[in-house]
Amino acid sequence: MTETLARGFKERGHEVTVFCYPGGMLEERIRDVVAVEPIIKGMDLNPAAMMRASAALRKHRTDVVLAMMKKDVRLTTPVAKTLGIPSIVRHANDRALRGGLYDRIFFGVIPVHHVVNSLATRATLLASAPWIDSTKVTVVYNGIDPAPFETAKPAVLELPPNAFVFGFVGRLEVRKGLIDLANAWRAVSSELTDAWLVIAGKGADEAQARATLGDTPRVKWLGYRSDIPGVLASLDVLVVPSHWEGFGLVAAEGLAAGVPVIAARASSLPEIITDGVDGWLVPPKNPQALASALIHASRHPEQAAAMSVTGQAKIRGMFSLERMIEKYEEVLATAVAKG
């Protein structure tokens, strides 16, 4: 997201400097696009890092700071505060603040505004930190470029030609609902003999998922994949059974690829998926309901076909990259104007 915003701001004529960890992937990807300061490292309030941040902020004549990660909040924004530079904090996950003195300073006193990526994230933030002024919290949905997903050729998965393909794409973690899906698949695989489950990604809970599935048939593990548009294009239905999300980007990418989505009614996912319109919503942590939804989807291909058209239109409207960057521009410009 840092790279996406930096490129977008630069294309719109803004001067952009990215503070990042030295030698990291972000530095490698962005250093030929915008100015880069590889200085963010060390413990919270690290004096050396804060001195480097102070020098860099003055060097680049910074007007406003957008803190994308917690390390930015704990190193760069305190320095910006002392220099009279307004800071905005982005909250990427639907997770509560702890609410202690530490949070009150870093998230209450220092920032002039907050950006969240969903209504769900906003509600969680304000519930955990009632001392944050609700008028200073703006929802800006993550945006994506739909073109790579709309035009992608299906990845070659080496499945039978008549297979109905359900897919899971993401980190292989319990909180992503992977174990719920594994339990659901045991019922689905016996009911739908031409259905396959494709799992793309890696993560700490892969062994648990494999053990849960056991010898359940028609499961294909793809491992980590960099060709996500192609993988999504090869699916009949994408399954996103997360217990909680930040934004749930893969659900939006599925819609962009013209793939109906079965998602948990959790966090931001109901803001992306409209039940019965561009996908189906099920209660989180409920393998039985999830299995029923998978079986229903496979038996109603005409409904799925209509959903694919609706979903792509939604992405081009509500979740476009241009819309997201324009919203960020508005928030940043307001912060600068107010000083």
Protein backbone atom coordinates (compact mmCIF):
# COMPACT_ATOMS: atom_id res chain seq x y z
CA MET A 1 0.00 0.00 0.00
CA THR A 2 2.89 2.36 0.70
CA GLU A 3 4.25 1.75 -2.78
CA THR A 4 0.82 2.14 -4.39
CA LEU A 5 0.15 5.46 -2.68
CA ALA A 6 3.65 6.77 -3.36
CA ARG A 7 3.32 6.03 -7.06
CA GLY A 8 -0.17 7.53 -7.18
CA PHE A 9 0.84 10.73 -5.42
CA LYS A 10 3.89 11.11 -7.65
CA GLU A 11 1.77 10.70 -10.79
CA ARG A 12 -0.45 13.53 -9.53
CA GLY A 13 2.50 15.89 -9.21
CA HIS A 14 3.24 15.63 -5.48
CA GLU A 15 6.72 15.41 -4.01
CA VAL A 16 6.93 12.12 -2.12
CA THR A 17 9.53 10.75 0.26
CA VAL A 18 9.24 7.23 1.65
CA PHE A 19 10.80 6.42 5.02
CA CYS A 20 11.51 2.69 5.19
CA TYR A 21 13.64 -0.05 6.71
CA PRO A 22 17.14 -0.11 5.19
CA GLY A 23 17.73 -2.92 2.74
CA GLY A 24 14.10 -4.04 2.73
CA MET A 25 11.87 -4.98 -0.19
CA LEU A 26 10.10 -1.60 -0.17
CA GLU A 27 13.38 0.27 -0.64
CA GLU A 28 14.26 -1.98 -3.55
CA ARG A 29 10.90 -1.50 -5.26
CA ILE A 30 10.46 2.24 -4.78
CA ARG A 31 13.91 3.84 -4.84
CA ASP A 32 13.78 4.58 -8.57
CA VAL A 33 10.30 6.09 -8.31
CA VAL A 34 10.40 8.54 -5.39
CA ALA A 35 12.88 9.82 -2.83
CA VAL A 36 13.70 7.17 -0.24
CA GLU A 37 15.07 7.52 3.27
CA PRO A 38 16.04 4.04 4.59
CA ILE A 39 16.15 5.11 8.23
CA ILE A 40 13.26 3.41 10.08
CA LYS A 41 14.79 0.86 12.42
CA GLY A 42 15.43 0.35 16.09
CA MET A 43 13.26 0.29 19.19
CA ASP A 44 10.38 2.68 19.83
CA LEU A 45 11.56 6.25 20.36
CA ASN A 46 15.08 5.22 19.34
CA PRO A 47 17.10 8.45 19.62
CA ALA A 48 19.32 7.77 16.62
CA ALA A 49 16.37 6.89 14.37
CA MET A 50 14.46 9.94 15.52
CA MET A 51 17.44 12.18 14.79
CA ARG A 52 17.62 10.71 11.29
CA ALA A 53 13.87 11.27 10.87
CA SER A 54 14.18 14.88 12.01
CA ALA A 55 16.98 15.59 9.55
CA ALA A 56 15.07 13.93 6.70
CA LEU A 57 11.83 15.76 7.42
CA ARG A 58 13.63 19.09 7.32
CA LYS A 59 15.69 18.14 4.28
CA HIS A 60 12.61 17.34 2.22
CA ARG A 61 10.59 20.30 3.58
CA THR A 62 7.82 17.93 4.54
CA ASP A 63 4.29 19.35 4.73
CA VAL A 64 2.51 16.28 6.11
CA VAL A 65 3.37 12.78 7.34
CA LEU A 66 1.28 9.71 6.55
CA ALA A 67 2.19 6.95 9.00
CA MET A 68 1.49 3.59 7.39
CA MET A 69 2.97 1.26 10.02
CA LYS A 70 3.29 1.24 13.81
CA LYS A 71 7.03 1.80 13.52
CA ASP A 72 6.27 5.08 11.73
CA VAL A 73 3.92 6.06 14.54
CA ARG A 74 6.59 5.44 17.17
CA LEU A 75 9.54 7.02 15.42
CA THR A 76 8.53 9.57 12.78
CA THR A 77 5.29 11.13 14.03
CA PRO A 78 6.69 12.26 17.42
CA VAL A 79 9.48 14.06 15.57
CA ALA A 80 7.00 15.59 13.13
CA LYS A 81 4.98 16.85 16.09
CA THR A 82 7.98 18.71 17.50
CA LEU A 83 8.62 20.27 14.08
CA GLY A 84 5.01 21.41 13.70
CA ILE A 85 4.31 18.98 10.84
CA PRO A 86 0.86 17.37 10.93
CA SER A 87 0.70 13.57 10.99
CA ILE A 88 -2.02 11.21 9.83
CA VAL A 89 -2.10 7.60 11.02
CA ARG A 90 -3.47 4.80 8.84
CA HIS A 91 -5.06 1.81 10.59
CA ALA A 92 -4.86 -1.25 8.36
CA ASN A 93 -6.44 -3.90 10.60
CA ASP A 94 -9.76 -4.32 12.37
CA ARG A 95 -8.03 -4.61 15.75
CA ALA A 96 -8.61 -2.69 18.96
CA LEU A 97 -6.06 -0.39 20.55
CA ARG A 98 -5.09 -1.35 24.07
CA GLY A 99 -6.04 2.10 25.29
CA GLY A 100 -3.26 2.73 27.79
CA LEU A 101 -1.17 5.86 28.19
CA TYR A 102 1.15 4.71 25.41
CA ASP A 103 -1.70 4.54 22.91
CA ARG A 104 -3.24 7.78 24.15
CA ILE A 105 -0.01 9.60 23.32
CA PHE A 106 0.88 7.96 20.01
CA PHE A 107 -2.67 7.67 18.64
CA GLY A 108 -4.44 10.43 20.55
CA VAL A 109 -2.12 13.37 21.16
CA ILE A 110 0.22 13.23 18.18
CA PRO A 111 -1.92 12.58 15.05
CA VAL A 112 -4.22 15.25 13.67
CA HIS A 113 -6.28 12.66 11.78
CA HIS A 114 -6.78 8.94 11.25
CA VAL A 115 -7.55 6.92 8.11
CA VAL A 116 -9.19 3.50 8.32
CA ASN A 117 -9.90 1.08 5.50
CA SER A 118 -13.46 0.11 6.43
CA LEU A 119 -16.43 1.02 8.57
CA ALA A 120 -15.68 -2.06 10.67
CA THR A 121 -12.14 -0.87 11.37
CA ARG A 122 -13.47 2.56 12.26
CA ALA A 123 -16.01 1.12 14.72
CA THR A 124 -13.37 -1.04 16.41
CA LEU A 125 -10.91 1.85 16.67
CA LEU A 126 -13.42 4.23 18.23
CA ALA A 127 -14.80 1.60 20.61
CA SER A 128 -11.32 0.86 21.93
CA ALA A 129 -10.21 4.51 21.97
CA PRO A 130 -13.20 6.75 22.82
CA TRP A 131 -10.74 9.58 23.41
CA ILE A 132 -10.18 9.81 19.64
CA ASP A 133 -12.48 12.42 18.09
CA SER A 134 -14.78 10.51 15.72
CA THR A 135 -14.80 13.48 13.31
CA LYS A 136 -11.08 12.90 12.84
CA VAL A 137 -11.44 9.35 11.54
CA THR A 138 -12.05 8.95 7.79
CA VAL A 139 -12.87 5.74 5.94
CA VAL A 140 -10.88 5.25 2.74
CA TYR A 141 -11.41 1.84 1.19
CA ASN A 142 -8.41 0.10 -0.31
CA GLY A 143 -8.36 0.48 -4.06
CA ILE A 144 -7.14 -1.88 -6.73
CA ASP A 145 -6.38 -1.67 -10.41
CA PRO A 146 -8.94 -4.05 -11.93
CA ALA A 147 -7.18 -4.39 -15.30
CA PRO A 148 -4.74 -7.21 -14.37
CA PHE A 149 -7.62 -9.23 -12.91
CA GLU A 150 -10.08 -8.59 -15.72
CA THR A 151 -7.59 -9.59 -18.41
CA ALA A 152 -5.70 -12.43 -16.69
CA LYS A 153 -5.54 -15.82 -18.37
CA PRO A 154 -6.44 -18.70 -16.05
CA ALA A 155 -3.47 -20.37 -14.43
CA VAL A 156 -2.87 -23.96 -15.44
CA LEU A 157 -3.90 -26.00 -12.38
CA GLU A 158 -3.90 -29.44 -14.05
CA LEU A 159 -7.39 -30.32 -12.86
CA PRO A 160 -10.01 -32.39 -14.69
CA PRO A 161 -11.79 -30.36 -17.40
CA ASN A 162 -15.20 -30.72 -15.73
CA ALA A 163 -13.97 -29.71 -12.27
CA PHE A 164 -15.87 -27.08 -10.31
CA VAL A 165 -13.08 -25.18 -8.57
CA PHE A 166 -13.32 -23.51 -5.16
CA GLY A 167 -10.25 -21.54 -4.13
CA PHE A 168 -8.64 -20.17 -0.99
CA VAL A 169 -5.95 -17.52 -1.55
CA GLY A 170 -4.04 -15.98 1.34
CA ARG A 171 -1.97 -16.66 4.41
CA LEU A 172 -2.49 -20.15 5.76
CA GLU A 173 -3.62 -19.15 9.24
CA VAL A 174 -6.43 -20.12 11.59
CA ARG A 175 -7.75 -16.55 11.71
CA LYS A 176 -8.19 -16.65 7.92
CA GLY A 177 -10.80 -19.39 8.43
CA LEU A 178 -8.62 -22.02 6.80
CA ILE A 179 -9.42 -24.69 9.40
CA ASP A 180 -13.14 -23.90 9.10
CA LEU A 181 -12.83 -24.42 5.35
CA ALA A 182 -10.93 -27.67 5.87
CA ASN A 183 -13.71 -28.97 8.10
CA ALA A 184 -16.38 -27.80 5.66
CA TRP A 185 -14.61 -29.50 2.76
CA ARG A 186 -15.00 -32.91 4.35
CA ALA A 187 -18.78 -32.58 3.88
CA VAL A 188 -18.59 -30.82 0.52
CA SER A 189 -16.24 -33.35 -1.09
CA SER A 190 -18.63 -36.21 -0.40
CA GLU A 191 -21.62 -34.25 -1.71
CA LEU A 192 -19.99 -32.75 -4.83
CA THR A 193 -17.92 -35.39 -6.55
CA ASP A 194 -16.70 -33.07 -9.32
CA ALA A 195 -15.63 -30.25 -6.97
CA TRP A 196 -12.01 -29.40 -6.15
CA LEU A 197 -10.52 -27.19 -3.46
CA VAL A 198 -7.42 -25.23 -4.47
CA ILE A 199 -5.34 -23.62 -1.72
CA ALA A 200 -2.76 -20.96 -2.61
CA GLY A 201 -0.45 -19.41 -0.05
CA LYS A 202 1.82 -20.24 2.82
CA GLY A 203 1.64 -19.71 6.55
CA ALA A 204 2.15 -20.98 10.05
CA ASP A 205 -0.98 -23.14 10.18
CA GLU A 206 -0.55 -25.14 6.99
CA ALA A 207 0.32 -28.32 8.91
CA GLN A 208 -2.86 -28.03 10.97
CA ALA A 209 -4.95 -27.55 7.85
CA ARG A 210 -3.36 -30.57 6.16
CA ALA A 211 -3.99 -32.67 9.25
CA THR A 212 -7.63 -31.53 9.40
CA LEU A 213 -8.17 -32.41 5.76
CA GLY A 214 -6.41 -35.74 6.16
CA ASP A 215 -7.19 -37.92 3.15
CA THR A 216 -10.21 -35.84 2.07
CA PRO A 217 -10.19 -36.05 -1.74
CA ARG A 218 -9.73 -33.45 -4.45
CA VAL A 219 -7.55 -30.90 -2.65
CA LYS A 220 -4.70 -29.21 -4.51
CA TRP A 221 -2.04 -27.24 -2.66
CA LEU A 222 -0.39 -24.58 -4.81
CA GLY A 223 2.00 -23.09 -2.26
CA TYR A 224 3.02 -19.46 -2.58
CA ARG A 225 2.01 -17.95 -5.92
CA SER A 226 2.94 -14.62 -7.48
CA ASP A 227 0.38 -14.98 -10.32
CA ILE A 228 -2.70 -14.25 -8.21
CA PRO A 229 -4.78 -12.76 -11.08
CA GLY A 230 -4.28 -15.99 -13.03
CA VAL A 231 -5.06 -18.17 -10.03
CA LEU A 232 -8.27 -16.24 -9.38
CA ALA A 233 -9.26 -16.47 -13.05
CA SER A 234 -9.03 -20.25 -12.80
CA LEU A 235 -11.62 -20.45 -9.99
CA ASP A 236 -15.38 -20.84 -10.11
CA VAL A 237 -15.80 -19.49 -6.57
CA LEU A 238 -13.37 -17.79 -4.19
CA VAL A 239 -13.75 -18.61 -0.47
CA VAL A 240 -12.78 -15.99 2.14
CA PRO A 241 -13.90 -17.38 5.53
CA SER A 242 -11.80 -15.05 7.71
CA HIS A 243 -12.54 -14.50 11.40
CA TRP A 244 -11.40 -10.89 11.03
CA GLU A 245 -9.73 -8.82 8.35
CA GLY A 246 -8.13 -5.50 7.74
CA PHE A 247 -9.76 -4.77 4.42
CA GLY A 248 -10.07 -8.23 2.87
CA LEU A 249 -8.23 -7.32 -0.30
CA VAL A 250 -8.42 -10.79 -1.85
CA ALA A 251 -12.23 -10.61 -1.78
CA ALA A 252 -12.10 -7.40 -3.84
CA GLU A 253 -9.56 -8.97 -6.19
CA GLY A 254 -11.88 -11.95 -6.65
CA LEU A 255 -14.72 -9.65 -7.67
CA ALA A 256 -12.38 -7.82 -10.06
CA ALA A 257 -11.55 -11.18 -11.65
CA GLY A 258 -15.25 -11.89 -12.16
CA VAL A 259 -15.32 -14.62 -9.52
CA PRO A 260 -18.23 -14.86 -7.04
CA VAL A 261 -17.06 -14.83 -3.42
CA ILE A 262 -18.23 -16.80 -0.41
CA ALA A 263 -17.08 -14.80 2.61
CA ALA A 264 -17.58 -14.72 6.34
CA ARG A 265 -19.81 -12.01 7.72
CA ALA A 266 -16.84 -10.54 9.62
CA SER A 267 -14.97 -7.24 9.77
CA SER A 268 -15.03 -5.42 6.43
CA LEU A 269 -16.09 -8.38 4.29
CA PRO A 270 -19.82 -7.44 4.29
CA GLU A 271 -18.75 -4.01 3.01
CA ILE A 272 -17.12 -5.68 0.00
CA ILE A 273 -19.54 -8.55 -0.61
CA THR A 274 -23.28 -7.98 -0.86
CA ASP A 275 -25.03 -11.22 0.07
CA GLY A 276 -26.91 -12.69 -2.88
CA VAL A 277 -25.70 -9.96 -5.26
CA ASP A 278 -21.99 -10.53 -5.91
CA GLY A 279 -21.41 -13.37 -3.48
CA TRP A 280 -22.65 -15.11 -0.38
CA LEU A 281 -22.05 -14.30 3.28
CA VAL A 282 -21.95 -16.92 6.03
CA PRO A 283 -21.44 -16.70 9.80
CA PRO A 284 -17.74 -16.79 10.75
CA LYS A 285 -16.31 -19.90 12.43
CA ASN A 286 -19.22 -22.00 11.16
CA PRO A 287 -18.04 -24.91 8.96
CA GLN A 288 -21.59 -26.24 8.53
CA ALA A 289 -22.90 -22.94 7.12
CA LEU A 290 -19.80 -22.64 4.97
CA ALA A 291 -20.30 -26.13 3.53
CA SER A 292 -23.94 -25.34 2.70
CA ALA A 293 -22.88 -22.17 0.88
CA LEU A 294 -20.27 -24.04 -1.18
CA ILE A 295 -22.80 -26.67 -2.20
CA HIS A 296 -25.38 -24.00 -3.06
CA ALA A 297 -22.89 -22.08 -5.22
CA SER A 298 -21.99 -25.14 -7.26
CA ARG A 299 -25.66 -25.93 -7.92
CA HIS A 300 -26.62 -22.41 -9.06
CA PRO A 301 -24.20 -21.55 -11.89
CA GLU A 302 -26.63 -19.05 -13.43
CA GLN A 303 -26.62 -17.03 -10.20
CA ALA A 304 -22.84 -17.17 -10.07
CA ALA A 305 -22.60 -15.91 -13.66
CA ALA A 306 -24.76 -12.88 -12.86
CA MET A 307 -22.70 -12.18 -9.75
CA SER A 308 -19.48 -12.04 -11.75
CA VAL A 309 -20.78 -9.10 -13.81
CA THR A 310 -22.11 -7.25 -10.78
CA GLY A 311 -18.90 -7.76 -8.83
CA GLN A 312 -16.67 -6.35 -11.52
CA ALA A 313 -18.85 -3.25 -11.82
CA LYS A 314 -18.65 -2.72 -8.05
CA ILE A 315 -14.85 -2.81 -8.08
CA ARG A 316 -14.63 -0.30 -10.90
CA GLY A 317 -16.91 2.03 -8.92
CA MET A 318 -16.42 1.70 -5.16
CA PHE A 319 -12.93 0.24 -4.95
CA SER A 320 -10.95 1.77 -7.79
CA LEU A 321 -7.34 2.77 -7.29
CA GLU A 322 -8.05 6.29 -8.50
CA ARG A 323 -10.86 6.75 -6.00
CA MET A 324 -8.65 5.64 -3.12
CA ILE A 325 -5.78 7.98 -4.02
CA GLU A 326 -8.14 10.93 -4.45
CA LYS A 327 -9.60 10.29 -0.99
CA TYR A 328 -6.12 10.21 0.54
CA GLU A 329 -5.27 13.44 -1.25
CA GLU A 330 -8.32 15.11 0.29
CA VAL A 331 -7.41 13.99 3.80
CA LEU A 332 -3.77 15.06 3.44
CA ALA A 333 -4.66 18.44 1.94
CA THR A 334 -7.12 19.15 4.75
CA ALA A 335 -4.48 18.32 7.35
CA VAL A 336 -1.99 20.69 5.73
CA ALA A 337 -4.57 23.47 5.44
CA LYS A 338 -5.44 23.20 9.11
CA GLY A 339 -1.80 23.23 10.06
